Amino acid sequence: MSQLDEIVQLLREINDKLSCTAHHILPVENRSKGWTVDELMTRMAVVSKLGISERTYNRWVKSGILRPIYLGNKHYYREEDLQEAIKRSIDNGMI
């Protein structure tokens, strides 16, 4: 197990013990999907991939269009999460 995987596991355990629902360190829906840290994209990778500005990125996170995985104060995404965000936006007539 790599050091990063051990950190993620520790964060999961801490998250399980927290009762806070506002900003989970690792969202409940992602715990059982078996993804690894290597599959995650940084916020800058998302900005580049979507061709948006950092200001637009921040606005989309605040409005709930993008739903990051929080590891500390950093945002990460899986490819599937971005596809779902795009699909939701199309369904809601935002794109």
PDB file of N, CA and C in Angstrom:
ATOM      1  N   MET A   1       0.858  -1.173   0.000  1.00  0.00           N
ATOM      2  CA  MET A   1       0.000   0.000   0.000  1.00  0.00           C
ATOM      3  C   MET A   1       0.902   1.233   0.000  1.00  0.00           C
ATOM      4  N   SER A   2       0.668   2.127  -0.936  1.00  0.00           N
ATOM      5  CA  SER A   2       1.502   3.321  -1.014  1.00  0.00           C
ATOM      6  C   SER A   2       1.153   4.283   0.120  1.00  0.00           C
ATOM      7  N   GLN A   3       2.022   5.214   0.340  1.00  0.00           N
ATOM      8  CA  GLN A   3       1.827   6.197   1.404  1.00  0.00           C
ATOM      9  C   GLN A   3       0.569   7.032   1.148  1.00  0.00           C
ATOM     10  N   LEU A   4       0.312   7.367  -0.107  1.00  0.00           N
ATOM     11  CA  LEU A   4      -0.879   8.146  -0.447  1.00  0.00           C
ATOM     12  C   LEU A   4      -2.150   7.345  -0.183  1.00  0.00           C
ATOM     13  N   ASP A   5      -2.121   6.052  -0.499  1.00  0.00           N
ATOM     14  CA  ASP A   5      -3.278   5.201  -0.212  1.00  0.00           C
ATOM     15  C   ASP A   5      -3.530   5.098   1.289  1.00  0.00           C
ATOM     16  N   GLU A   6      -2.457   5.045   2.065  1.00  0.00           N
ATOM     17  CA  GLU A   6      -2.597   4.996   3.521  1.00  0.00           C
ATOM     18  C   GLU A   6      -3.225   6.287   4.045  1.00  0.00           C
ATOM     19  N   ILE A   7      -2.837   7.419   3.476  1.00  0.00           N
ATOM     20  CA  ILE A   7      -3.411   8.707   3.875  1.00  0.00           C
ATOM     21  C   ILE A   7      -4.892   8.744   3.539  1.00  0.00           C
ATOM     22  N   VAL A   8      -5.241   8.272   2.339  1.00  0.00           N
ATOM     23  CA  VAL A   8      -6.641   8.248   1.937  1.00  0.00           C
ATOM     24  C   VAL A   8      -7.443   7.366   2.891  1.00  0.00           C
ATOM     25  N   GLN A   9      -6.894   6.202   3.239  1.00  0.00           N
ATOM     26  CA  GLN A   9      -7.584   5.308   4.165  1.00  0.00           C
ATOM     27  C   GLN A   9      -7.779   5.985   5.520  1.00  0.00           C
ATOM     28  N   LEU A  10      -6.771   6.676   5.999  1.00  0.00           N
ATOM     29  CA  LEU A  10      -6.877   7.390   7.270  1.00  0.00           C
ATOM     30  C   LEU A  10      -7.937   8.489   7.185  1.00  0.00           C
ATOM     31  N   LEU A  11      -7.962   9.212   6.070  1.00  0.00           N
ATOM     32  CA  LEU A  11      -8.979  10.248   5.881  1.00  0.00           C
ATOM     33  C   LEU A  11     -10.384   9.647   5.849  1.00  0.00           C
ATOM     34  N   ARG A  12     -10.523   8.484   5.233  1.00  0.00           N
ATOM     35  CA  ARG A  12     -11.822   7.808   5.230  1.00  0.00           C
ATOM     36  C   ARG A  12     -12.268   7.475   6.652  1.00  0.00           C
ATOM     37  N   GLU A  13     -11.344   6.980   7.447  1.00  0.00           N
ATOM     38  CA  GLU A  13     -11.673   6.636   8.831  1.00  0.00           C
ATOM     39  C   GLU A  13     -12.064   7.879   9.625  1.00  0.00           C
ATOM     40  N   ILE A  14     -11.347   8.968   9.417  1.00  0.00           N
ATOM     41  CA  ILE A  14     -11.679  10.221  10.100  1.00  0.00           C
ATOM     42  C   ILE A  14     -13.052  10.697   9.652  1.00  0.00           C
ATOM     43  N   ASN A  15     -13.305  10.631   8.350  1.00  0.00           N
ATOM     44  CA  ASN A  15     -14.591  11.062   7.808  1.00  0.00           C
ATOM     45  C   ASN A  15     -15.737  10.232   8.382  1.00  0.00           C
ATOM     46  N   ASP A  16     -15.515   8.939   8.545  1.00  0.00           N
ATOM     47  CA  ASP A  16     -16.540   8.082   9.126  1.00  0.00           C
ATOM     48  C   ASP A  16     -16.897   8.512  10.541  1.00  0.00           C
ATOM     49  N   LYS A  17     -15.917   9.022  11.255  1.00  0.00           N
ATOM     50  CA  LYS A  17     -16.140   9.418  12.649  1.00  0.00           C
ATOM     51  C   LYS A  17     -16.763  10.806  12.784  1.00  0.00           C
ATOM     52  N   LEU A  18     -16.698  11.592  11.718  1.00  0.00           N
ATOM     53  CA  LEU A  18     -17.285  12.931  11.758  1.00  0.00           C
ATOM     54  C   LEU A  18     -18.766  12.845  11.451  1.00  0.00           C
ATOM     55  N   SER A  19     -19.554  13.622  12.126  1.00  0.00           N
ATOM     56  CA  SER A  19     -20.983  13.628  11.822  1.00  0.00           C
ATOM     57  C   SER A  19     -21.373  14.822  10.967  1.00  0.00           C
ATOM     58  N   CYS A  20     -20.403  15.628  10.591  1.00  0.00           N
ATOM     59  CA  CYS A  20     -20.654  16.811   9.779  1.00  0.00           C
ATOM     60  C   CYS A  20     -21.113  16.406   8.395  1.00  0.00           C
ATOM     61  N   THR A  21     -22.195  17.032   7.902  1.00  0.00           N
ATOM     62  CA  THR A  21     -22.700  16.705   6.571  1.00  0.00           C
ATOM     63  C   THR A  21     -22.364  17.762   5.534  1.00  0.00           C
ATOM     64  N   ALA A  22     -21.803  18.877   5.928  1.00  0.00           N
ATOM     65  CA  ALA A  22     -21.575  19.978   4.996  1.00  0.00           C
ATOM     66  C   ALA A  22     -20.543  19.641   3.922  1.00  0.00           C
ATOM     67  N   HIS A  23     -19.308  19.397   4.306  1.00  0.00           N
ATOM     68  CA  HIS A  23     -18.245  19.111   3.346  1.00  0.00           C
ATOM     69  C   HIS A  23     -17.490  17.875   3.796  1.00  0.00           C
ATOM     70  N   HIS A  24     -17.920  16.734   3.315  1.00  0.00           N
ATOM     71  CA  HIS A  24     -17.241  15.498   3.659  1.00  0.00           C
ATOM     72  C   HIS A  24     -15.865  15.467   3.014  1.00  0.00           C
ATOM     73  N   ILE A  25     -14.928  14.869   3.725  1.00  0.00           N
ATOM     74  CA  ILE A  25     -13.590  14.721   3.172  1.00  0.00           C
ATOM     75  C   ILE A  25     -13.643  13.786   1.965  1.00  0.00           C
ATOM     76  N   LEU A  26     -14.345  12.675   2.114  1.00  0.00           N
ATOM     77  CA  LEU A  26     -14.580  11.764   1.003  1.00  0.00           C
ATOM     78  C   LEU A  26     -16.061  11.453   0.967  1.00  0.00           C
ATOM     79  N   PRO A  27     -16.763  11.846  -0.063  1.00  0.00           N
ATOM     80  CA  PRO A  27     -18.203  11.623  -0.115  1.00  0.00           C
ATOM     81  C   PRO A  27     -18.572  10.154   0.022  1.00  0.00           C
ATOM     82  N   VAL A  28     -19.662   9.887   0.720  1.00  0.00           N
ATOM     83  CA  VAL A  28     -20.122   8.534   0.980  1.00  0.00           C
ATOM     84  C   VAL A  28     -20.311   7.759  -0.312  1.00  0.00           C
ATOM     85  N   GLU A  29     -20.858   8.397  -1.349  1.00  0.00           N
ATOM     86  CA  GLU A  29     -21.141   7.681  -2.584  1.00  0.00           C
ATOM     87  C   GLU A  29     -19.884   7.188  -3.284  1.00  0.00           C
ATOM     88  N   ASN A  30     -18.692   7.714  -2.951  1.00  0.00           N
ATOM     89  CA  ASN A  30     -17.465   7.291  -3.610  1.00  0.00           C
ATOM     90  C   ASN A  30     -16.715   6.219  -2.836  1.00  0.00           C
ATOM     91  N   ARG A  31     -17.110   5.934  -1.619  1.00  0.00           N
ATOM     92  CA  ARG A  31     -16.371   4.974  -0.806  1.00  0.00           C
ATOM     93  C   ARG A  31     -16.442   3.561  -1.336  1.00  0.00           C
ATOM     94  N   SER A  32     -17.578   3.158  -1.843  1.00  0.00           N
ATOM     95  CA  SER A  32     -17.756   1.770  -2.254  1.00  0.00           C
ATOM     96  C   SER A  32     -17.459   1.540  -3.729  1.00  0.00           C
ATOM     97  N   LYS A  33     -17.060   2.551  -4.466  1.00  0.00           N
ATOM     98  CA  LYS A  33     -16.861   2.400  -5.905  1.00  0.00           C
ATOM     99  C   LYS A  33     -15.483   1.877  -6.264  1.00  0.00           C
ATOM    100  N   GLY A  34     -14.571   1.813  -5.309  1.00  0.00           N
ATOM    101  CA  GLY A  34     -13.270   1.219  -5.555  1.00  0.00           C
ATOM    102  C   GLY A  34     -12.317   2.053  -6.381  1.00  0.00           C
ATOM    103  N   TRP A  35     -12.481   3.364  -6.439  1.00  0.00           N
ATOM    104  CA  TRP A  35     -11.546   4.183  -7.190  1.00  0.00           C
ATOM    105  C   TRP A  35     -10.277   4.383  -6.388  1.00  0.00           C
ATOM    106  N   THR A  36      -9.197   4.713  -7.093  1.00  0.00           N
ATOM    107  CA  THR A  36      -7.921   4.955  -6.435  1.00  0.00           C
ATOM    108  C   THR A  36      -7.532   6.417  -6.610  1.00  0.00           C
ATOM    109  N   VAL A  37      -6.603   6.855  -5.794  1.00  0.00           N
ATOM    110  CA  VAL A  37      -6.146   8.243  -5.839  1.00  0.00           C
ATOM    111  C   VAL A  37      -5.527   8.565  -7.201  1.00  0.00           C
ATOM    112  N   ASP A  38      -4.919   7.561  -7.835  1.00  0.00           N
ATOM    113  CA  ASP A  38      -4.289   7.786  -9.138  1.00  0.00           C
ATOM    114  C   ASP A  38      -5.294   8.190 -10.205  1.00  0.00           C
ATOM    115  N   GLU A  39      -6.573   7.872 -10.027  1.00  0.00           N
ATOM    116  CA  GLU A  39      -7.607   8.190 -11.002  1.00  0.00           C
ATOM    117  C   GLU A  39      -8.135   9.609 -10.865  1.00  0.00           C
ATOM    118  N   LEU A  40      -7.741  10.316  -9.821  1.00  0.00           N
ATOM    119  CA  LEU A  40      -8.294  11.639  -9.543  1.00  0.00           C
ATOM    120  C   LEU A  40      -7.580  12.728 -10.325  1.00  0.00           C
ATOM    121  N   MET A  41      -8.361  13.721 -10.779  1.00  0.00           N
ATOM    122  CA  MET A  41      -7.818  14.889 -11.468  1.00  0.00           C
ATOM    123  C   MET A  41      -7.843  16.080 -10.518  1.00  0.00           C
ATOM    124  N   THR A  42      -6.860  16.937 -10.628  1.00  0.00           N
ATOM    125  CA  THR A  42      -6.821  18.152  -9.822  1.00  0.00           C
ATOM    126  C   THR A  42      -7.768  19.185 -10.411  1.00  0.00           C
ATOM    127  N   ARG A  43      -8.010  20.233  -9.652  1.00  0.00           N
ATOM    128  CA  ARG A  43      -8.884  21.300 -10.145  1.00  0.00           C
ATOM    129  C   ARG A  43      -8.307  21.953 -11.396  1.00  0.00           C
ATOM    130  N   MET A  44      -6.990  22.102 -11.463  1.00  0.00           N
ATOM    131  CA  MET A  44      -6.375  22.715 -12.640  1.00  0.00           C
ATOM    132  C   MET A  44      -6.521  21.814 -13.869  1.00  0.00           C
ATOM    133  N   ALA A  45      -6.456  20.503 -13.676  1.00  0.00           N
ATOM    134  CA  ALA A  45      -6.679  19.579 -14.787  1.00  0.00           C
ATOM    135  C   ALA A  45      -8.114  19.699 -15.289  1.00  0.00           C
ATOM    136  N   VAL A  46      -9.048  19.905 -14.366  1.00  0.00           N
ATOM    137  CA  VAL A  46     -10.458  20.066 -14.737  1.00  0.00           C
ATOM    138  C   VAL A  46     -10.652  21.369 -15.498  1.00  0.00           C
ATOM    139  N   VAL A  47     -10.046  22.441 -15.008  1.00  0.00           N
ATOM    140  CA  VAL A  47     -10.134  23.744 -15.683  1.00  0.00           C
ATOM    141  C   VAL A  47      -9.620  23.615 -17.117  1.00  0.00           C
ATOM    142  N   SER A  48      -8.487  22.949 -17.272  1.00  0.00           N
ATOM    143  CA  SER A  48      -7.895  22.769 -18.598  1.00  0.00           C
ATOM    144  C   SER A  48      -8.765  21.866 -19.472  1.00  0.00           C
ATOM    145  N   LYS A  49      -9.238  20.774 -18.923  1.00  0.00           N
ATOM    146  CA  LYS A  49     -10.043  19.819 -19.687  1.00  0.00           C
ATOM    147  C   LYS A  49     -11.354  20.436 -20.172  1.00  0.00           C
ATOM    148  N   LEU A  50     -11.995  21.232 -19.304  1.00  0.00           N
ATOM    149  CA  LEU A  50     -13.266  21.845 -19.661  1.00  0.00           C
ATOM    150  C   LEU A  50     -13.104  23.149 -20.430  1.00  0.00           C
ATOM    151  N   GLY A  51     -11.876  23.694 -20.456  1.00  0.00           N
ATOM    152  CA  GLY A  51     -11.629  24.950 -21.167  1.00  0.00           C
ATOM    153  C   GLY A  51     -12.323  26.129 -20.517  1.00  0.00           C
ATOM    154  N   ILE A  52     -12.327  26.158 -19.185  1.00  0.00           N
ATOM    155  CA  ILE A  52     -12.975  27.242 -18.449  1.00  0.00           C
ATOM    156  C   ILE A  52     -11.939  28.003 -17.633  1.00  0.00           C
ATOM    157  N   SER A  53     -12.315  29.188 -17.190  1.00  0.00           N
ATOM    158  CA  SER A  53     -11.417  29.979 -16.345  1.00  0.00           C
ATOM    159  C   SER A  53     -11.531  29.500 -14.900  1.00  0.00           C
ATOM    160  N   GLU A  54     -10.569  29.884 -14.076  1.00  0.00           N
ATOM    161  CA  GLU A  54     -10.628  29.531 -12.655  1.00  0.00           C
ATOM    162  C   GLU A  54     -11.846  30.190 -11.992  1.00  0.00           C
ATOM    163  N   ARG A  55     -12.176  31.378 -12.445  1.00  0.00           N
ATOM    164  CA  ARG A  55     -13.353  32.070 -11.895  1.00  0.00           C
ATOM    165  C   ARG A  55     -14.634  31.280 -12.195  1.00  0.00           C
ATOM    166  N   THR A  56     -14.755  30.787 -13.423  1.00  0.00           N
ATOM    167  CA  THR A  56     -15.913  29.969 -13.789  1.00  0.00           C
ATOM    168  C   THR A  56     -15.920  28.684 -12.980  1.00  0.00           C
ATOM    169  N   TYR A  57     -14.745  28.067 -12.841  1.00  0.00           N
ATOM    170  CA  TYR A  57     -14.630  26.852 -12.025  1.00  0.00           C
ATOM    171  C   TYR A  57     -15.164  27.109 -10.621  1.00  0.00           C
ATOM    172  N   ASN A  58     -14.707  28.177  -9.974  1.00  0.00           N
ATOM    173  CA  ASN A  58     -15.143  28.491  -8.608  1.00  0.00           C
ATOM    174  C   ASN A  58     -16.651  28.731  -8.543  1.00  0.00           C
ATOM    175  N   ARG A  59     -17.184  29.395  -9.553  1.00  0.00           N
ATOM    176  CA  ARG A  59     -18.625  29.644  -9.597  1.00  0.00           C
ATOM    177  C   ARG A  59     -19.401  28.335  -9.739  1.00  0.00           C
ATOM    178  N   TRP A  60     -18.909  27.424 -10.580  1.00  0.00           N
ATOM    179  CA  TRP A  60     -19.575  26.141 -10.782  1.00  0.00           C
ATOM    180  C   TRP A  60     -19.537  25.278  -9.524  1.00  0.00           C
ATOM    181  N   VAL A  61     -18.437  25.332  -8.782  1.00  0.00           N
ATOM    182  CA  VAL A  61     -18.358  24.579  -7.526  1.00  0.00           C
ATOM    183  C   VAL A  61     -19.340  25.163  -6.520  1.00  0.00           C
ATOM    184  N   LYS A  62     -19.355  26.486  -6.424  1.00  0.00           N
ATOM    185  CA  LYS A  62     -20.252  27.150  -5.471  1.00  0.00           C
ATOM    186  C   LYS A  62     -21.721  26.877  -5.784  1.00  0.00           C
ATOM    187  N   SER A  63     -22.059  26.811  -7.075  1.00  0.00           N
ATOM    188  CA  SER A  63     -23.452  26.591  -7.468  1.00  0.00           C
ATOM    189  C   SER A  63     -23.832  25.113  -7.484  1.00  0.00           C
ATOM    190  N   GLY A  64     -22.851  24.230  -7.337  1.00  0.00           N
ATOM    191  CA  GLY A  64     -23.152  22.799  -7.292  1.00  0.00           C
ATOM    192  C   GLY A  64     -23.074  22.104  -8.640  1.00  0.00           C
ATOM    193  N   ILE A  65     -22.698  22.821  -9.682  1.00  0.00           N
ATOM    194  CA  ILE A  65     -22.549  22.182 -10.994  1.00  0.00           C
ATOM    195  C   ILE A  65     -21.432  21.153 -10.939  1.00  0.00           C
ATOM    196  N   LEU A  66     -20.309  21.538 -10.351  1.00  0.00           N
ATOM    197  CA  LEU A  66     -19.205  20.615 -10.116  1.00  0.00           C
ATOM    198  C   LEU A  66     -19.203  20.232  -8.636  1.00  0.00           C
ATOM    199  N   ARG A  67     -19.029  18.949  -8.372  1.00  0.00           N
ATOM    200  CA  ARG A  67     -19.024  18.451  -6.993  1.00  0.00           C
ATOM    201  C   ARG A  67     -17.696  17.760  -6.720  1.00  0.00           C
ATOM    202  N   PRO A  68     -16.744  18.492  -6.151  1.00  0.00           N
ATOM    203  CA  PRO A  68     -15.413  17.914  -5.944  1.00  0.00           C
ATOM    204  C   PRO A  68     -15.368  16.905  -4.803  1.00  0.00           C
ATOM    205  N   ILE A  69     -14.344  16.092  -4.833  1.00  0.00           N
ATOM    206  CA  ILE A  69     -13.982  15.246  -3.707  1.00  0.00           C
ATOM    207  C   ILE A  69     -12.966  16.068  -2.933  1.00  0.00           C
ATOM    208  N   TYR A  70     -13.211  16.272  -1.654  1.00  0.00           N
ATOM    209  CA  TYR A  70     -12.320  17.085  -0.842  1.00  0.00           C
ATOM    210  C   TYR A  70     -11.304  16.195  -0.130  1.00  0.00           C
ATOM    211  N   LEU A  71     -10.026  16.504  -0.345  1.00  0.00           N
ATOM    212  CA  LEU A  71      -8.938  15.909   0.422  1.00  0.00           C
ATOM    213  C   LEU A  71      -8.218  17.087   1.050  1.00  0.00           C
ATOM    214  N   GLY A  72      -8.492  17.327   2.315  1.00  0.00           N
ATOM    215  CA  GLY A  72      -8.021  18.542   2.951  1.00  0.00           C
ATOM    216  C   GLY A  72      -8.772  19.707   2.342  1.00  0.00           C
ATOM    217  N   ASN A  73      -8.040  20.714   1.876  1.00  0.00           N
ATOM    218  CA  ASN A  73      -8.698  21.851   1.233  1.00  0.00           C
ATOM    219  C   ASN A  73      -8.529  21.823  -0.287  1.00  0.00           C
ATOM    220  N   LYS A  74      -8.125  20.671  -0.822  1.00  0.00           N
ATOM    221  CA  LYS A  74      -7.928  20.538  -2.262  1.00  0.00           C
ATOM    222  C   LYS A  74      -9.094  19.801  -2.894  1.00  0.00           C
ATOM    223  N   HIS A  75      -9.373  20.146  -4.147  1.00  0.00           N
ATOM    224  CA  HIS A  75     -10.469  19.550  -4.900  1.00  0.00           C
ATOM    225  C   HIS A  75      -9.920  18.523  -5.882  1.00  0.00           C
ATOM    226  N   TYR A  76     -10.583  17.382  -5.962  1.00  0.00           N
ATOM    227  CA  TYR A  76     -10.228  16.350  -6.921  1.00  0.00           C
ATOM    228  C   TYR A  76     -11.488  15.824  -7.582  1.00  0.00           C
ATOM    229  N   TYR A  77     -11.314  15.255  -8.772  1.00  0.00           N
ATOM    230  CA  TYR A  77     -12.444  14.744  -9.543  1.00  0.00           C
ATOM    231  C   TYR A  77     -12.069  13.442 -10.231  1.00  0.00           C
ATOM    232  N   ARG A  78     -13.085  12.611 -10.445  1.00  0.00           N
ATOM    233  CA  ARG A  78     -12.948  11.439 -11.300  1.00  0.00           C
ATOM    234  C   ARG A  78     -13.530  11.811 -12.662  1.00  0.00           C
ATOM    235  N   GLU A  79     -13.088  11.152 -13.704  1.00  0.00           N
ATOM    236  CA  GLU A  79     -13.607  11.409 -15.050  1.00  0.00           C
ATOM    237  C   GLU A  79     -15.118  11.228 -15.071  1.00  0.00           C
ATOM    238  N   GLU A  80     -15.612  10.198 -14.388  1.00  0.00           N
ATOM    239  CA  GLU A  80     -17.047   9.926 -14.354  1.00  0.00           C
ATOM    240  C   GLU A  80     -17.825  11.074 -13.729  1.00  0.00           C
ATOM    241  N   ASP A  81     -17.239  11.716 -12.713  1.00  0.00           N
ATOM    242  CA  ASP A  81     -17.897  12.846 -12.056  1.00  0.00           C
ATOM    243  C   ASP A  81     -18.069  14.016 -13.027  1.00  0.00           C
ATOM    244  N   LEU A  82     -17.053  14.251 -13.852  1.00  0.00           N
ATOM    245  CA  LEU A  82     -17.151  15.336 -14.832  1.00  0.00           C
ATOM    246  C   LEU A  82     -18.211  15.019 -15.875  1.00  0.00           C
ATOM    247  N   GLN A  83     -18.257  13.773 -16.323  1.00  0.00           N
ATOM    248  CA  GLN A  83     -19.272  13.382 -17.302  1.00  0.00           C
ATOM    249  C   GLN A  83     -20.675  13.560 -16.730  1.00  0.00           C
ATOM    250  N   GLU A  84     -20.855  13.194 -15.459  1.00  0.00           N
ATOM    251  CA  GLU A  84     -22.154  13.362 -14.802  1.00  0.00           C
ATOM    252  C   GLU A  84     -22.510  14.840 -14.682  1.00  0.00           C
ATOM    253  N   ALA A  85     -21.531  15.696 -14.358  1.00  0.00           N
ATOM    254  CA  ALA A  85     -21.785  17.131 -14.234  1.00  0.00           C
ATOM    255  C   ALA A  85     -22.215  17.718 -15.576  1.00  0.00           C
ATOM    256  N   ILE A  86     -21.554  17.291 -16.636  1.00  0.00           N
ATOM    257  CA  ILE A  86     -21.913  17.775 -17.966  1.00  0.00           C
ATOM    258  C   ILE A  86     -23.316  17.311 -18.334  1.00  0.00           C
ATOM    259  N   LYS A  87     -23.625  16.053 -18.043  1.00  0.00           N
ATOM    260  CA  LYS A  87     -24.958  15.519 -18.352  1.00  0.00           C
ATOM    261  C   LYS A  87     -26.045  16.262 -17.567  1.00  0.00           C
ATOM    262  N   ARG A  88     -25.791  16.523 -16.281  1.00  0.00           N
ATOM    263  CA  ARG A  88     -26.756  17.270 -15.450  1.00  0.00           C
ATOM    264  C   ARG A  88     -26.975  18.661 -16.031  1.00  0.00           C
ATOM    265  N   SER A  89     -25.901  19.305 -16.465  1.00  0.00           N
ATOM    266  CA  SER A  89     -26.003  20.651 -17.019  1.00  0.00           C
ATOM    267  C   SER A  89     -26.819  20.658 -18.302  1.00  0.00           C
ATOM    268  N   ILE A  90     -26.606  19.662 -19.134  1.00  0.00           N
ATOM    269  CA  ILE A  90     -27.376  19.559 -20.381  1.00  0.00           C
ATOM    270  C   ILE A  90     -28.841  19.305 -20.054  1.00  0.00           C
ATOM    271  N   ASP A  91     -29.109  18.379 -19.126  1.00  0.00           N
ATOM    272  CA  ASP A  91     -30.486  18.048 -18.744  1.00  0.00           C
ATOM    273  C   ASP A  91     -31.227  19.261 -18.168  1.00  0.00           C
ATOM    274  N   ASN A  92     -30.493  20.114 -17.457  1.00  0.00           N
ATOM    275  CA  ASN A  92     -31.102  21.297 -16.839  1.00  0.00           C
ATOM    276  C   ASN A  92     -31.116  22.501 -17.781  1.00  0.00           C
ATOM    277  N   GLY A  93     -30.662  22.315 -19.023  1.00  0.00           N
ATOM    278  CA  GLY A  93     -30.673  23.397 -19.998  1.00  0.00           C
ATOM    279  C   GLY A  93     -29.608  24.453 -19.771  1.00  0.00           C
ATOM    280  N   MET A  94     -28.568  24.108 -19.010  1.00  0.00           N
ATOM    281  CA  MET A  94     -27.512  25.084 -18.720  1.00  0.00           C
ATOM    282  C   MET A  94     -26.455  25.112 -19.838  1.00  0.00           C
ATOM    283  N   ILE A  95     -26.387  24.055 -20.600  1.00  0.00           N
ATOM    284  CA  ILE A  95     -25.423  23.982 -21.715  1.00  0.00           C
ATOM    285  C   ILE A  95     -26.214  23.786 -22.985  1.00  0.00           C
TER     286      ILE A  95
END
